[in-house]
Each structure stands twice: as structure tokens, then as C-alpha cells.
Amino acid sequence: MLLNRIIPIVLLKEESLVKTYKFKSFTYVGDPSNTLRIFNELLVDELIVLDISAVKLNKQPNFKLLKEIAEECFMPLTYGGGITNLDHAKTIFDLGFEKISINTNIFTNPDLIIDLSSYFGSQAIIGSIDVKNNLLRKQKVVSHGATKFTNWDPLSWAIKLEKLGVGEILLTSVDREGTWNGMDINLIRKITDNISIPLIAHGGAGTLSHIREAFKIAKASAVGLGSMVTFQKKGKGVLVNYPSRNDIDDLLDSD
């Protein structure tokens, strides 16, 4: 069984790092290498890098930049964005990444997950699910950077991805992403109760209490952090940071 993990999630837009708000407006964070060097110094255990422009621009992964990132980082790395075939995945793993995350391209080619998990093992494949309320206030899975609604509800899609062969789910609440207002505990718990693979909860965390709720109440295996590790606090400037070891131990050990 995996230990609870707190994972910074950084977003690539072209060759810069940015932070989005509900997947729309974005704030420039900095140069990838300089920013990730700080995460090295903060002794982050794991990191997820998502290229939010690859799918929108119909581009393959920026392998040159990913090589620089892999050479800079000493922690386990996950990459997602623009992966459409086995060769893309092979190149990314050869660069030093431990896992890949697939989102939009599952809808256009469901067999991609089967091919990837068969070749690399399910433990190396993360199925990324973005969830947003539609006009009827129903939660639906969205694709293409949350610009297109699908007919899938989050739970059915998570179960589908597990059956296809992903070894982990990255679940993002688009409506809470970047808000600091707390995570969608009900949504997270609904899915963790019905799948047998680990789930990374993402979107809305603004305090250590929010993280604790995701672990203790919603039973997430990991929490992905964006704003909390990017800014000083809500409404303040960029300051790359990470909870102290004591803070992490306290929130994980508390009853």
C-alpha cells in the first residue's frame, strides 16, 4: 500500500511554468529549471509536470525541455501532455521520468491505455480526469483542457480507466482549481470508495486542513498541490514552497 503523498503539480505553457485559475486565466511562475531546482532544495518527494499547451496546440511533448527537467530533478517525475503513442512514452521514460499521465488522448484512442499499460506496466500509467459542473450543475468529465464536456460522469470514467489498465487516477476539480477554498471531498470519496487503485486528489487545497480532509475523510492516496506550493498565500506573489517535514508528519499522524 502506498503511503500518503503530497505532490507539487506544475504546469508548462510553451516553455514557461504558469499557474491557472479554474483552467482559465494564468499567472507566470518562472523558468522551469530554476523553479524545479527550488523543489529539489525543498526535498520534494515526487513531482508532476503537465504541459497544458500540448493538446491545445496539437503538439507532441517538448522532449528537449523534458530532458532538461529530468536532468535537473532528483525526485520521481510524472509527465503529462501530448502523449499519443508508444514511441512518445518510450522517449519520456528514457529521459528519466517514472510515470506518464494521459487525459484527452484517451477519448480519441482508448486502446492507448491498453498498449501503454501492457508495455510499461500499469504502475507507470496515470489516468487523468478533469471534472467540471455543466449548466445543469451536474459533474461531468471534461477534455481538451476543460474546454469540451463529455457524456461521462466522474465515477463511471474512473472505473473505466481502471479497467483499461491505468495504475493510478489523477482527479482534478476544475471548478475548485486555484481557488484555495477546499477540495471536493464528496467527489473524491465517491471515487475512492469504488476503485482499487490509488487516487491523487487535486484542485482547491489552500490549507493543511484541506489536505488532511482529503486523506482522512476522502481516503485519497495523494494530494496534488498547485497554488499552495506556488504562491506566498492567496492573492500574494509567487513564492515556490512546500510544507515542512514537521507539518506533513503532523497532518498525517493526527487523528
C-alpha atoms as a PDB file:
ATOM      1  CA  MET A   1       0.000   0.000   0.000  1.00  0.00           C
ATOM      2  CA  LEU A   2       1.311   3.442  -0.924  1.00  0.00           C
ATOM      3  CA  LEU A   3       1.956   5.963   1.818  1.00  0.00           C
ATOM      4  CA  ASN A   4       0.056   9.241   1.653  1.00  0.00           C
ATOM      5  CA  ARG A   5       1.915  11.646  -0.608  1.00  0.00           C
ATOM      6  CA  ILE A   6       1.867  15.413  -1.138  1.00  0.00           C
ATOM      7  CA  ILE A   7       2.815  16.139  -4.744  1.00  0.00           C
ATOM      8  CA  PRO A   8       3.503  19.534  -6.345  1.00  0.00           C
ATOM      9  CA  ILE A   9       1.842  19.811  -9.756  1.00  0.00           C
ATOM     10  CA  VAL A  10       3.483  22.300 -12.105  1.00  0.00           C
ATOM     11  CA  LEU A  11       2.038  23.475 -15.408  1.00  0.00           C
ATOM     12  CA  LEU A  12       4.003  24.065 -18.587  1.00  0.00           C
ATOM     13  CA  LYS A  13       2.729  26.609 -21.104  1.00  0.00           C
ATOM     14  CA  GLU A  14       5.105  26.561 -24.042  1.00  0.00           C
ATOM     15  CA  GLU A  15       8.466  26.703 -22.219  1.00  0.00           C
ATOM     16  CA  SER A  16       7.389  28.547 -19.074  1.00  0.00           C
ATOM     17  CA  LEU A  17       5.754  27.460 -15.848  1.00  0.00           C
ATOM     18  CA  VAL A  18       2.367  29.000 -15.090  1.00  0.00           C
ATOM     19  CA  LYS A  19      -0.441  28.623 -12.551  1.00  0.00           C
ATOM     20  CA  THR A  20      -4.027  28.632 -13.719  1.00  0.00           C
ATOM     21  CA  TYR A  21      -7.327  29.559 -12.061  1.00  0.00           C
ATOM     22  CA  LYS A  22     -10.140  27.159 -12.954  1.00  0.00           C
ATOM     23  CA  PHE A  23      -8.091  26.209 -16.036  1.00  0.00           C
ATOM     24  CA  LYS A  24      -8.539  29.707 -17.496  1.00  0.00           C
ATOM     25  CA  SER A  25      -6.537  32.783 -16.506  1.00  0.00           C
ATOM     26  CA  PHE A  26      -2.934  32.055 -15.681  1.00  0.00           C
ATOM     27  CA  THR A  27      -0.076  33.618 -13.754  1.00  0.00           C
ATOM     28  CA  TYR A  28       3.529  33.349 -14.907  1.00  0.00           C
ATOM     29  CA  VAL A  29       5.572  31.409 -12.349  1.00  0.00           C
ATOM     30  CA  GLY A  30       9.024  31.221 -13.865  1.00  0.00           C
ATOM     31  CA  ASP A  31      11.621  29.301 -15.790  1.00  0.00           C
ATOM     32  CA  PRO A  32      11.159  25.525 -15.351  1.00  0.00           C
ATOM     33  CA  SER A  33      14.750  24.720 -14.447  1.00  0.00           C
ATOM     34  CA  ASN A  34      15.048  27.479 -11.834  1.00  0.00           C
ATOM     35  CA  THR A  35      11.695  26.634 -10.266  1.00  0.00           C
ATOM     36  CA  LEU A  36      12.305  22.898 -10.151  1.00  0.00           C
ATOM     37  CA  ARG A  37      15.735  23.493  -8.653  1.00  0.00           C
ATOM     38  CA  ILE A  38      13.940  25.047  -5.669  1.00  0.00           C
ATOM     39  CA  PHE A  39      11.753  21.955  -5.312  1.00  0.00           C
ATOM     40  CA  ASN A  40      14.967  19.902  -5.243  1.00  0.00           C
ATOM     41  CA  GLU A  41      16.260  22.041  -2.389  1.00  0.00           C
ATOM     42  CA  LEU A  42      12.951  21.645  -0.547  1.00  0.00           C
ATOM     43  CA  LEU A  43      13.371  17.847  -0.722  1.00  0.00           C
ATOM     44  CA  VAL A  44      10.081  17.237  -2.501  1.00  0.00           C
ATOM     45  CA  ASP A  45       9.407  13.500  -2.720  1.00  0.00           C
ATOM     46  CA  GLU A  46       7.601  13.475  -6.075  1.00  0.00           C
ATOM     47  CA  LEU A  47       6.612  15.928  -8.830  1.00  0.00           C
ATOM     48  CA  ILE A  48       4.036  16.033 -11.636  1.00  0.00           C
ATOM     49  CA  VAL A  49       4.680  18.147 -14.755  1.00  0.00           C
ATOM     50  CA  LEU A  50       1.700  18.785 -17.038  1.00  0.00           C
ATOM     51  CA  ASP A  51       2.013  20.553 -20.393  1.00  0.00           C
ATOM     52  CA  ILE A  52      -1.282  22.425 -20.735  1.00  0.00           C
ATOM     53  CA  SER A  53      -0.487  23.727 -24.220  1.00  0.00           C
ATOM     54  CA  ALA A  54       0.490  20.473 -25.953  1.00  0.00           C
ATOM     55  CA  VAL A  55      -3.043  19.250 -26.652  1.00  0.00           C
ATOM     56  CA  LYS A  56      -4.459  22.700 -27.421  1.00  0.00           C
ATOM     57  CA  LEU A  57      -1.711  23.350 -29.958  1.00  0.00           C
ATOM     58  CA  ASN A  58      -1.726  19.746 -31.213  1.00  0.00           C
ATOM     59  CA  LYS A  59       1.956  19.366 -30.390  1.00  0.00           C
ATOM     60  CA  GLN A  60       3.971  16.381 -29.298  1.00  0.00           C
ATOM     61  CA  PRO A  61       5.824  16.597 -25.964  1.00  0.00           C
ATOM     62  CA  ASN A  62       8.744  19.026 -25.853  1.00  0.00           C
ATOM     63  CA  PHE A  63      11.414  16.361 -25.423  1.00  0.00           C
ATOM     64  CA  LYS A  64      14.272  18.856 -25.280  1.00  0.00           C
ATOM     65  CA  LEU A  65      12.701  20.678 -22.353  1.00  0.00           C
ATOM     66  CA  LEU A  66      11.739  17.412 -20.653  1.00  0.00           C
ATOM     67  CA  LYS A  67      15.350  16.269 -20.889  1.00  0.00           C
ATOM     68  CA  GLU A  68      16.440  19.449 -19.108  1.00  0.00           C
ATOM     69  CA  ILE A  69      13.793  18.929 -16.421  1.00  0.00           C
ATOM     70  CA  ALA A  70      14.766  15.298 -15.859  1.00  0.00           C
ATOM     71  CA  GLU A  71      18.437  16.253 -15.549  1.00  0.00           C
ATOM     72  CA  GLU A  72      17.580  18.978 -13.032  1.00  0.00           C
ATOM     73  CA  CYS A  73      15.277  16.963 -10.770  1.00  0.00           C
ATOM     74  CA  PHE A  74      16.288  14.244  -8.351  1.00  0.00           C
ATOM     75  CA  MET A  75      12.785  13.197  -7.252  1.00  0.00           C
ATOM     76  CA  PRO A  76      10.455  10.779  -9.105  1.00  0.00           C
ATOM     77  CA  LEU A  77       8.791  12.580 -12.018  1.00  0.00           C
ATOM     78  CA  THR A  78       5.494  12.225 -13.851  1.00  0.00           C
ATOM     79  CA  TYR A  79       4.796  13.922 -17.176  1.00  0.00           C
ATOM     80  CA  GLY A  80       1.521  14.501 -19.000  1.00  0.00           C
ATOM     81  CA  GLY A  81       0.628  16.339 -22.204  1.00  0.00           C
ATOM     82  CA  GLY A  82       0.568  15.433 -25.889  1.00  0.00           C
ATOM     83  CA  ILE A  83       1.390  11.738 -25.457  1.00  0.00           C
ATOM     84  CA  THR A  84      -0.364   9.990 -28.339  1.00  0.00           C
ATOM     85  CA  ASN A  85       1.621   6.806 -28.929  1.00  0.00           C
ATOM     86  CA  LEU A  86       4.031   4.249 -27.539  1.00  0.00           C
ATOM     87  CA  ASP A  87       7.089   5.968 -29.008  1.00  0.00           C
ATOM     88  CA  HIS A  88       6.299   9.199 -27.167  1.00  0.00           C
ATOM     89  CA  ALA A  89       6.081   7.257 -23.923  1.00  0.00           C
ATOM     90  CA  LYS A  90       9.318   5.350 -24.595  1.00  0.00           C
ATOM     91  CA  THR A  91      11.197   8.597 -25.160  1.00  0.00           C
ATOM     92  CA  ILE A  92       9.824  10.153 -21.956  1.00  0.00           C
ATOM     93  CA  PHE A  93      10.746   7.128 -19.863  1.00  0.00           C
ATOM     94  CA  ASP A  94      14.191   7.009 -21.463  1.00  0.00           C
ATOM     95  CA  LEU A  95      14.699  10.633 -20.372  1.00  0.00           C
ATOM     96  CA  GLY A  96      14.228   9.574 -16.759  1.00  0.00           C
ATOM     97  CA  PHE A  97      10.542  10.036 -15.965  1.00  0.00           C
ATOM     98  CA  GLU A  98       8.948   7.314 -13.812  1.00  0.00           C
ATOM     99  CA  LYS A  99       5.305   7.792 -14.837  1.00  0.00           C
ATOM    100  CA  ILE A 100       3.205   9.321 -17.593  1.00  0.00           C
ATOM    101  CA  SER A 101      -0.244  10.872 -17.310  1.00  0.00           C
ATOM    102  CA  ILE A 102      -2.834  10.564 -20.085  1.00  0.00           C
ATOM    103  CA  ASN A 103      -6.015  12.630 -20.338  1.00  0.00           C
ATOM    104  CA  THR A 104      -7.569  13.897 -23.587  1.00  0.00           C
ATOM    105  CA  ASN A 105      -5.980  11.300 -25.845  1.00  0.00           C
ATOM    106  CA  ILE A 106      -7.819   8.516 -24.013  1.00  0.00           C
ATOM    107  CA  PHE A 107     -11.047   9.769 -25.577  1.00  0.00           C
ATOM    108  CA  THR A 108      -9.660   9.718 -29.100  1.00  0.00           C
ATOM    109  CA  ASN A 109      -7.817   6.425 -28.645  1.00  0.00           C
ATOM    110  CA  PRO A 110      -8.891   4.262 -25.641  1.00  0.00           C
ATOM    111  CA  ASP A 111      -6.564   1.485 -26.808  1.00  0.00           C
ATOM    112  CA  LEU A 112      -3.656   3.788 -25.963  1.00  0.00           C
ATOM    113  CA  ILE A 113      -4.010   2.937 -22.274  1.00  0.00           C
ATOM    114  CA  ILE A 114      -4.129  -0.770 -23.040  1.00  0.00           C
ATOM    115  CA  ASP A 115      -0.976  -0.507 -25.157  1.00  0.00           C
ATOM    116  CA  LEU A 116       0.897   1.609 -22.607  1.00  0.00           C
ATOM    117  CA  SER A 117      -0.004  -0.465 -19.553  1.00  0.00           C
ATOM    118  CA  SER A 118       0.763  -3.706 -21.374  1.00  0.00           C
ATOM    119  CA  TYR A 119       4.213  -2.454 -22.386  1.00  0.00           C
ATOM    120  CA  PHE A 120       5.313  -0.464 -19.310  1.00  0.00           C
ATOM    121  CA  GLY A 121       3.076  -1.879 -16.578  1.00  0.00           C
ATOM    122  CA  SER A 122       0.025  -0.218 -15.077  1.00  0.00           C
ATOM    123  CA  GLN A 123       2.077   1.238 -12.217  1.00  0.00           C
ATOM    124  CA  ALA A 124       3.678   3.645 -14.708  1.00  0.00           C
ATOM    125  CA  ILE A 125       0.409   4.938 -16.182  1.00  0.00           C
ATOM    126  CA  ILE A 126      -1.790   7.615 -14.583  1.00  0.00           C
ATOM    127  CA  GLY A 127      -5.265   8.279 -15.912  1.00  0.00           C
ATOM    128  CA  SER A 128      -6.011  11.993 -15.528  1.00  0.00           C
ATOM    129  CA  ILE A 129      -9.648  13.023 -15.002  1.00  0.00           C
ATOM    130  CA  ASP A 130     -10.801  16.652 -15.092  1.00  0.00           C
ATOM    131  CA  VAL A 131     -14.278  17.282 -13.666  1.00  0.00           C
ATOM    132  CA  LYS A 132     -16.491  20.336 -14.102  1.00  0.00           C
ATOM    133  CA  ASN A 133     -20.112  21.291 -13.427  1.00  0.00           C
ATOM    134  CA  ASN A 134     -22.209  21.671 -16.566  1.00  0.00           C
ATOM    135  CA  LEU A 135     -25.069  24.175 -16.990  1.00  0.00           C
ATOM    136  CA  LEU A 136     -27.366  21.837 -15.068  1.00  0.00           C
ATOM    137  CA  ARG A 137     -24.868  21.707 -12.175  1.00  0.00           C
ATOM    138  CA  LYS A 138     -24.103  18.072 -12.948  1.00  0.00           C
ATOM    139  CA  GLN A 139     -20.493  16.986 -12.614  1.00  0.00           C
ATOM    140  CA  LYS A 140     -19.115  15.763 -15.921  1.00  0.00           C
ATOM    141  CA  VAL A 141     -15.687  14.737 -17.165  1.00  0.00           C
ATOM    142  CA  VAL A 142     -14.168  17.335 -19.478  1.00  0.00           C
ATOM    143  CA  SER A 143     -11.346  17.069 -22.007  1.00  0.00           C
ATOM    144  CA  HIS A 144      -9.075  19.324 -24.083  1.00  0.00           C
ATOM    145  CA  GLY A 145      -8.071  21.447 -21.103  1.00  0.00           C
ATOM    146  CA  ALA A 146     -11.645  21.574 -19.761  1.00  0.00           C
ATOM    147  CA  THR A 147     -12.973  23.143 -22.981  1.00  0.00           C
ATOM    148  CA  LYS A 148     -15.117  20.158 -24.013  1.00  0.00           C
ATOM    149  CA  PHE A 149     -17.729  18.319 -21.964  1.00  0.00           C
ATOM    150  CA  THR A 150     -18.027  14.563 -22.364  1.00  0.00           C
ATOM    151  CA  ASN A 151     -21.015  12.373 -21.543  1.00  0.00           C
ATOM    152  CA  TRP A 152     -19.099  10.608 -18.781  1.00  0.00           C
ATOM    153  CA  ASP A 153     -19.755  11.096 -15.088  1.00  0.00           C
ATOM    154  CA  PRO A 154     -16.559  11.032 -12.977  1.00  0.00           C
ATOM    155  CA  LEU A 155     -17.184   7.724 -11.211  1.00  0.00           C
ATOM    156  CA  SER A 156     -18.059   5.773 -14.368  1.00  0.00           C
ATOM    157  CA  TRP A 157     -14.993   7.168 -16.146  1.00  0.00           C
ATOM    158  CA  ALA A 158     -12.687   6.328 -13.235  1.00  0.00           C
ATOM    159  CA  ILE A 159     -13.961   2.744 -13.215  1.00  0.00           C
ATOM    160  CA  LYS A 160     -13.497   2.600 -16.995  1.00  0.00           C
ATOM    161  CA  LEU A 161      -9.896   3.810 -16.753  1.00  0.00           C
ATOM    162  CA  GLU A 162      -9.085   1.236 -14.095  1.00  0.00           C
ATOM    163  CA  LYS A 163     -10.452  -1.499 -16.334  1.00  0.00           C
ATOM    164  CA  LEU A 164      -8.403  -0.181 -19.279  1.00  0.00           C
ATOM    165  CA  GLY A 165      -5.263  -0.583 -17.203  1.00  0.00           C
ATOM    166  CA  VAL A 166      -4.204   2.656 -15.519  1.00  0.00           C
ATOM    167  CA  GLY A 167      -2.458   2.161 -12.204  1.00  0.00           C
ATOM    168  CA  GLU A 168      -3.440   5.473 -10.635  1.00  0.00           C
ATOM    169  CA  ILE A 169      -6.015   8.250 -11.065  1.00  0.00           C
ATOM    170  CA  LEU A 170      -5.267  11.989 -11.020  1.00  0.00           C
ATOM    171  CA  LEU A 171      -8.609  13.640 -10.223  1.00  0.00           C
ATOM    172  CA  THR A 172      -8.872  17.407 -10.707  1.00  0.00           C
ATOM    173  CA  SER A 173     -11.861  19.562  -9.801  1.00  0.00           C
ATOM    174  CA  VAL A 174     -11.785  22.314 -12.435  1.00  0.00           C
ATOM    175  CA  ASP A 175     -14.275  24.457 -10.503  1.00  0.00           C
ATOM    176  CA  ARG A 176     -12.039  24.445  -7.431  1.00  0.00           C
ATOM    177  CA  GLU A 177      -8.620  24.570  -9.112  1.00  0.00           C
ATOM    178  CA  GLY A 178      -6.686  27.633  -7.979  1.00  0.00           C
ATOM    179  CA  THR A 179      -9.409  28.814  -5.565  1.00  0.00           C
ATOM    180  CA  TRP A 180      -7.808  27.871  -2.207  1.00  0.00           C
ATOM    181  CA  ASN A 181     -11.366  27.149  -0.980  1.00  0.00           C
ATOM    182  CA  GLY A 182     -11.033  23.465  -0.185  1.00  0.00           C
ATOM    183  CA  MET A 183     -11.217  20.229  -2.108  1.00  0.00           C
ATOM    184  CA  ASP A 184     -14.309  18.404  -3.365  1.00  0.00           C
ATOM    185  CA  ILE A 185     -14.324  15.812  -0.590  1.00  0.00           C
ATOM    186  CA  ASN A 186     -17.610  14.201  -1.661  1.00  0.00           C
ATOM    187  CA  LEU A 187     -16.399  13.662  -5.217  1.00  0.00           C
ATOM    188  CA  ILE A 188     -13.057  12.255  -4.094  1.00  0.00           C
ATOM    189  CA  ARG A 189     -14.660   9.865  -1.588  1.00  0.00           C
ATOM    190  CA  LYS A 190     -17.252   8.673  -4.125  1.00  0.00           C
ATOM    191  CA  ILE A 191     -14.443   7.532  -6.396  1.00  0.00           C
ATOM    192  CA  THR A 192     -12.043   6.146  -3.785  1.00  0.00           C
ATOM    193  CA  ASP A 193     -14.888   4.001  -2.447  1.00  0.00           C
ATOM    194  CA  ASN A 194     -15.344   2.386  -5.849  1.00  0.00           C
ATOM    195  CA  ILE A 195     -11.858   1.836  -7.269  1.00  0.00           C
ATOM    196  CA  SER A 196      -8.965  -0.285  -6.041  1.00  0.00           C
ATOM    197  CA  ILE A 197      -6.106   1.826  -7.411  1.00  0.00           C
ATOM    198  CA  PRO A 198      -4.538   4.924  -5.785  1.00  0.00           C
ATOM    199  CA  LEU A 199      -6.118   8.338  -6.356  1.00  0.00           C
ATOM    200  CA  ILE A 200      -4.329  11.701  -6.420  1.00  0.00           C
ATOM    201  CA  ALA A 201      -6.787  14.443  -5.424  1.00  0.00           C
ATOM    202  CA  HIS A 202      -6.175  17.859  -6.974  1.00  0.00           C
ATOM    203  CA  GLY A 203      -7.941  21.201  -7.013  1.00  0.00           C
ATOM    204  CA  GLY A 204      -8.826  23.629  -4.239  1.00  0.00           C
ATOM    205  CA  ALA A 205      -6.328  22.905  -1.457  1.00  0.00           C
ATOM    206  CA  GLY A 206      -5.443  26.077   0.411  1.00  0.00           C
ATOM    207  CA  THR A 207      -4.540  24.889   3.910  1.00  0.00           C
ATOM    208  CA  LEU A 208      -3.022  21.884   5.618  1.00  0.00           C
ATOM    209  CA  SER A 209      -6.501  21.105   6.953  1.00  0.00           C
ATOM    210  CA  HIS A 210      -7.766  20.741   3.387  1.00  0.00           C
ATOM    211  CA  ILE A 211      -5.008  18.223   2.707  1.00  0.00           C
ATOM    212  CA  ARG A 212      -5.816  16.336   5.884  1.00  0.00           C
ATOM    213  CA  GLU A 213      -9.510  16.110   4.888  1.00  0.00           C
ATOM    214  CA  ALA A 214      -8.567  14.636   1.524  1.00  0.00           C
ATOM    215  CA  PHE A 215      -6.536  11.934   3.268  1.00  0.00           C
ATOM    216  CA  LYS A 216      -8.617  11.228   6.354  1.00  0.00           C
ATOM    217  CA  ILE A 217     -12.168  11.753   5.088  1.00  0.00           C
ATOM    218  CA  ALA A 218     -11.975  11.254   1.326  1.00  0.00           C
ATOM    219  CA  LYS A 219      -9.351   8.479   1.540  1.00  0.00           C
ATOM    220  CA  ALA A 220      -7.139   9.897  -1.222  1.00  0.00           C
ATOM    221  CA  SER A 221      -3.754   8.235  -1.591  1.00  0.00           C
ATOM    222  CA  ALA A 222      -2.101  11.532  -2.523  1.00  0.00           C
ATOM    223  CA  VAL A 223      -2.884  15.239  -2.782  1.00  0.00           C
ATOM    224  CA  GLY A 224      -1.644  17.308  -5.697  1.00  0.00           C
ATOM    225  CA  LEU A 225      -0.796  20.925  -4.864  1.00  0.00           C
ATOM    226  CA  GLY A 226      -0.586  23.866  -7.245  1.00  0.00           C
ATOM    227  CA  SER A 227      -1.341  27.251  -5.677  1.00  0.00           C
ATOM    228  CA  MET A 228      -0.148  26.284  -2.191  1.00  0.00           C
ATOM    229  CA  VAL A 229       3.353  25.495  -3.453  1.00  0.00           C
ATOM    230  CA  THR A 230       3.455  28.362  -5.963  1.00  0.00           C
ATOM    231  CA  PHE A 231       2.321  31.472  -4.057  1.00  0.00           C
ATOM    232  CA  GLN A 232       3.041  33.028  -0.666  1.00  0.00           C
ATOM    233  CA  LYS A 233      -0.679  32.847   0.105  1.00  0.00           C
ATOM    234  CA  LYS A 234      -3.955  33.580  -1.654  1.00  0.00           C
ATOM    235  CA  GLY A 235      -3.723  36.857  -3.552  1.00  0.00           C
ATOM    236  CA  LYS A 236       0.022  37.217  -2.934  1.00  0.00           C
ATOM    237  CA  GLY A 237       3.037  36.878  -5.209  1.00  0.00           C
ATOM    238  CA  VAL A 238       4.944  33.862  -6.443  1.00  0.00           C
ATOM    239  CA  LEU A 239       6.967  32.023  -3.811  1.00  0.00           C
ATOM    240  CA  VAL A 240       7.846  28.411  -4.560  1.00  0.00           C
ATOM    241  CA  ASN A 241       7.464  26.455  -1.315  1.00  0.00           C
ATOM    242  CA  TYR A 242       6.491  23.116   0.195  1.00  0.00           C
ATOM    243  CA  PRO A 243       5.111  22.092   3.608  1.00  0.00           C
ATOM    244  CA  SER A 244       7.789  21.388   6.179  1.00  0.00           C
ATOM    245  CA  ARG A 245       8.503  17.819   7.191  1.00  0.00           C
ATOM    246  CA  ASN A 246       7.072  18.546  10.647  1.00  0.00           C
ATOM    247  CA  ASP A 247       3.859  19.960   9.170  1.00  0.00           C
ATOM    248  CA  ILE A 248       3.480  16.914   6.907  1.00  0.00           C
ATOM    249  CA  ASP A 249       4.099  14.496   9.766  1.00  0.00           C
ATOM    250  CA  ASP A 250       1.604  16.333  11.972  1.00  0.00           C
ATOM    251  CA  LEU A 251      -1.223  16.309   9.448  1.00  0.00           C
ATOM    252  CA  LEU A 252      -0.657  12.670   8.530  1.00  0.00           C
ATOM    253  CA  ASP A 253      -0.373  11.490  12.126  1.00  0.00           C
ATOM    254  CA  SER A 254      -3.257  13.496  13.588  1.00  0.00           C
ATOM    255  CA  ASP A 255      -6.484  11.635  14.398  1.00  0.00           C
END
